[in-house]
Amino acid sequence: MRFKKGNRWSKNGKGKLRYTTWRRMVFELNKRKVGLSRYYVCVKCNKKRKTTRVLHAHHIFSWNKFESKRYDSKNGVVLCVKCHNGFHRKYKYEALDKPDLLVEYLNGDKAVKSYIRENK
C-alpha cells in the first residue's frame, strides 16, 4: 500500500501506523465473518479474493467528520475497487454526513445498519 504525502498523516508517523492497523483489522474481521477464514469478500458484489490488492477498506462514518470513530475496527467495510468507486460516484460528498447512504448502497446490510444505529 502506498501513502500519498499530504495532511492526513501526522509528521511523527503515528497516524500512518494507526491507519494501517485499522485497515488490517477491517480486513481480518471481513475474512472471519464473510470469507470463512479463507477469502476477503466485497460486501456489495461478493467478489472473493485471497489478497487485499483489489479491495478497499471504506469508513462507514467518514474520516473527516467523525474523528472519534476514525480508527474503530467496526467502522469499516470491505469493498472492491469497482464498488467503492461506484459508491463515491453515486453519492459524492453527501456520504460524508450521512452514513445511512452506505446501508442504502449495500441494499440494507444488517451488520452496517446495526453499527450505525448503535453509534449515532
Protein backbone atom coordinates (compact mmCIF):
# COMPACT_ATOMS: atom_id res chain seq x y z
CA MET A 1 0.00 0.00 0.00
CA ARG A 2 1.38 3.43 -0.93
CA PHE A 3 0.68 6.56 1.08
CA LYS A 4 0.43 9.94 -0.57
CA LYS A 5 2.10 12.86 1.10
CA GLY A 6 -0.46 15.26 2.45
CA ASN A 7 -2.29 16.43 5.51
CA ARG A 8 -3.81 13.08 6.50
CA TRP A 9 -0.73 11.60 8.18
CA SER A 10 0.93 13.23 11.16
CA LYS A 11 4.59 14.18 10.98
CA ASN A 12 5.64 11.59 13.57
CA GLY A 13 4.14 8.69 11.59
CA LYS A 14 1.67 7.51 14.25
CA GLY A 15 -1.32 8.34 12.05
CA LYS A 16 0.01 6.17 9.23
CA LEU A 17 0.62 3.27 11.63
CA ARG A 18 -2.84 3.62 13.20
CA TYR A 19 -4.46 3.71 9.76
CA THR A 20 -2.65 0.59 8.53
CA THR A 21 -3.60 -1.19 11.76
CA TRP A 22 -7.25 -0.11 11.31
CA ARG A 23 -7.23 -1.31 7.69
CA ARG A 24 -5.73 -4.67 8.65
CA MET A 25 -8.36 -5.14 11.37
CA VAL A 26 -11.22 -4.32 8.95
CA PHE A 27 -9.91 -6.93 6.50
CA GLU A 28 -9.44 -9.55 9.23
CA LEU A 29 -12.99 -9.00 10.54
CA ASN A 30 -14.28 -9.36 6.98
CA LYS A 31 -12.28 -12.53 6.42
CA ARG A 32 -13.56 -14.14 9.62
CA LYS A 33 -17.22 -13.14 9.18
CA VAL A 34 -17.85 -13.31 5.46
CA GLY A 35 -14.93 -15.18 3.91
CA LEU A 36 -14.93 -18.11 6.34
CA SER A 37 -11.21 -17.55 7.10
CA ARG A 38 -10.18 -18.16 3.53
CA TYR A 39 -11.09 -15.12 1.43
CA TYR A 40 -11.63 -11.39 1.69
CA VAL A 41 -15.08 -10.58 0.30
CA CYS A 42 -16.59 -7.38 -1.12
CA VAL A 43 -19.77 -6.77 0.88
CA LYS A 44 -21.57 -5.32 -2.17
CA CYS A 45 -20.89 -7.77 -5.01
CA ASN A 46 -19.46 -10.73 -3.03
CA LYS A 47 -16.26 -10.78 -5.10
CA LYS A 48 -13.82 -13.12 -3.28
CA ARG A 49 -10.07 -12.56 -3.24
CA LYS A 50 -7.19 -14.13 -1.36
CA THR A 51 -5.27 -10.83 -1.25
CA THR A 52 -6.34 -7.27 -0.48
CA ARG A 53 -4.81 -5.86 -3.66
CA VAL A 54 -8.10 -5.03 -5.44
CA LEU A 55 -10.12 -4.39 -2.28
CA HIS A 56 -10.55 -1.21 -0.26
CA ALA A 57 -11.42 -0.65 3.40
CA HIS A 58 -14.17 2.00 3.43
CA HIS A 59 -15.15 4.03 6.51
CA ILE A 60 -18.84 3.83 7.46
CA PHE A 61 -18.62 7.07 9.43
CA SER A 62 -16.40 9.36 7.36
CA TRP A 63 -12.76 10.03 8.20
CA ASN A 64 -13.15 13.82 8.26
CA LYS A 65 -16.45 14.30 10.07
CA PHE A 66 -16.26 11.62 12.78
CA GLU A 67 -12.75 11.77 14.29
CA SER A 68 -13.67 9.72 17.38
CA LYS A 69 -14.69 6.74 15.20
CA ARG A 70 -11.76 7.08 12.82
CA TYR A 71 -9.81 4.02 13.99
CA ASP A 72 -12.67 1.84 15.27
CA SER A 73 -12.27 -1.53 13.55
CA LYS A 74 -16.05 -1.94 13.25
CA ASN A 75 -16.23 1.41 11.39
CA GLY A 76 -15.20 -0.19 8.13
CA VAL A 77 -16.45 -2.39 5.33
CA VAL A 78 -14.54 -4.09 2.55
CA LEU A 79 -15.46 -3.06 -0.99
CA CYS A 80 -13.82 -3.98 -4.27
CA VAL A 81 -12.38 -1.08 -6.26
CA LYS A 82 -15.34 -1.06 -8.67
CA CYS A 83 -17.98 -0.95 -5.91
CA HIS A 84 -16.01 1.62 -3.88
CA ASN A 85 -15.67 3.96 -6.85
CA GLY A 86 -19.34 3.38 -7.74
CA PHE A 87 -20.40 4.39 -4.23
CA HIS A 88 -18.43 7.65 -4.36
CA ARG A 89 -19.62 8.40 -7.90
CA LYS A 90 -23.25 7.93 -6.88
CA TYR A 91 -23.29 9.83 -3.55
CA LYS A 92 -20.28 12.16 -3.87
CA TYR A 93 -19.92 14.41 -0.79
CA GLU A 94 -23.38 13.60 0.61
CA ALA A 95 -21.93 10.39 2.04
CA LEU A 96 -19.63 12.34 4.40
CA ASP A 97 -22.56 13.47 6.55
CA LYS A 98 -24.96 10.56 6.02
CA PRO A 99 -23.63 7.08 6.85
CA ASP A 100 -27.11 5.70 6.11
CA LEU A 101 -26.34 6.09 2.39
CA LEU A 102 -23.88 3.21 2.68
CA VAL A 103 -26.67 0.97 4.00
CA GLU A 104 -28.82 2.04 1.05
CA TYR A 105 -25.95 1.28 -1.36
CA LEU A 106 -25.38 -2.13 0.23
CA ASN A 107 -29.09 -2.99 -0.06
CA GLY A 108 -29.77 -2.89 3.66
CA ASP A 109 -26.73 -4.76 5.03
CA LYS A 110 -27.76 -5.71 8.58
CA ALA A 111 -24.29 -5.51 10.16
CA VAL A 112 -23.65 -1.99 8.85
CA LYS A 113 -27.17 -0.89 9.78
CA SER A 114 -26.79 -2.11 13.37
CA TYR A 115 -23.38 -0.43 13.74
CA ILE A 116 -24.82 2.89 12.54
CA ARG A 117 -27.80 2.57 14.90
CA GLU A 118 -25.50 1.88 17.88
CA ASN A 119 -23.19 4.82 17.16
CA LYS A 120 -25.50 7.67 16.21
